[in-house]
Amino acid sequence: MVENEELMKEELEKRVKKFLKCFEDAREELSEENIHDLRISIQRLRASCYLAAGMSNPKGLKRIMKASGEVRDCHIALSIIDEFGGVPGLEGLLTLKLQNNMENLRVVLAKTDVESIVERVRGLRIRETSNFDIMRIIADLFLEFKSFEGSYAEGDPAVLHKMRIALKKLRYTLEALKYSFIDDELLKSMHELQQLLGEIHDIDLFIERFGAHRDLLSERRRALISELQFDRVNAIEPFMKVSILSQKFQSAPEDAMEYAEYSSHGFGCYAILKEYQVKDEDILKAAILKDSGAPTSELKEIFGERVAWLVSEIKRREGESDEDFFKRLREGGSDLMLLKLAEAKEKGEDIEKLMDENL
């Protein structure tokens, strides 16, 4: 779709400009803040390159990330040592290593042909991408992150590190998009989780390399791991509903998906209907479209009278009492009630109680 191509191109250009600024700032002064900002700008640029053109790692950026990462690791190690009262001999060695790594980073930045990198990125051919295609890309990234759900609580350092990398790729991709389920709260939750995983990784790296303050750091690590239980990971619950849907993309009504602009509630309702093997296309489309806010007349023209009716009837009317609302649902027949029950389950309502009291 032309609109998506333009949006991707615009976001890519924003991230190119941010990278250029951060690159020049780091060349002028290798402060911790400038190095951190440069690394984040590169990660965001990579995400946009992949989303827009399928290129995950533009040539020239890997060396910067490696050299800057070595400097960052020294900064983190020194801060840990300082917090826990020092380690005889180690602080001096790390300070010397930091100086060497800083000099190496200066050389890397000086030798980097940044104009060539930017030229390659700006010359990327933006692929034709529909909303449906974008959702496939996002779903793949999310399912990569979600694949660690069954093992991360065990606290294995390698698993948590991979989980953090997957989360960063997902977050920096989502930041470039403008769908209804990608709100500030979702991005904030992902950022907090990313920071938590980062703290754990810093401790793991320090213990692996130096072994100092192992008992104190292990105690802190256990406390951080406890924060990683499902309540914290499930802070991105709205997006988990999208992942459920992504596994069923092949049979999704694509015209409705494109039109609805991806309401997370529509995703969840649709996914529940699919889990119960509902095959009626009109009901599935109504599930996706019910939160779109589109006029009934428009839905009728595009999707037909039955879909428009289902979307209209499942909404509570202004001033309508619970008794009148559920009476109207019952009178609407089994299809309307089925849609309502799927919606209720998606919202976490007590289905049995709802049926006993109203349906």
Foldseek 3Di string as FASTA:
>chain_A
DVVVLVLLLVLLVVLLVQLVVLLVVCLVPVDPVSLVSNLLSQLLNQLSLCLFFNRRHQPLVVVLNVLSVQLVLLVLLLVVQVVVPHDPPPNVVSVVSNVVSSVVNNVSSVPGPSVVSSVVSNPGDGDDDAPLRSLLVLLVLVVQLCVCVVPCLVPDLVSLVSNLVSLSSNLSNLVSDDFPLSDPQLSVLSVVVSVLSVLLNSLVVNCVPPVPPVVVSVVVNVVSSVCVPPVSVCSNVLVVLSNLQSVVSVLAPVVLVRQQSDDSLLSQLLSLCVVVVPDPNLLSSLSSNLPSPDDLVVCCVPPNNSSSVLSVLLDDDPPDDLQRSLVSQVVVDDSSVSSNLSSCVSVVHDSVVCVVVRD
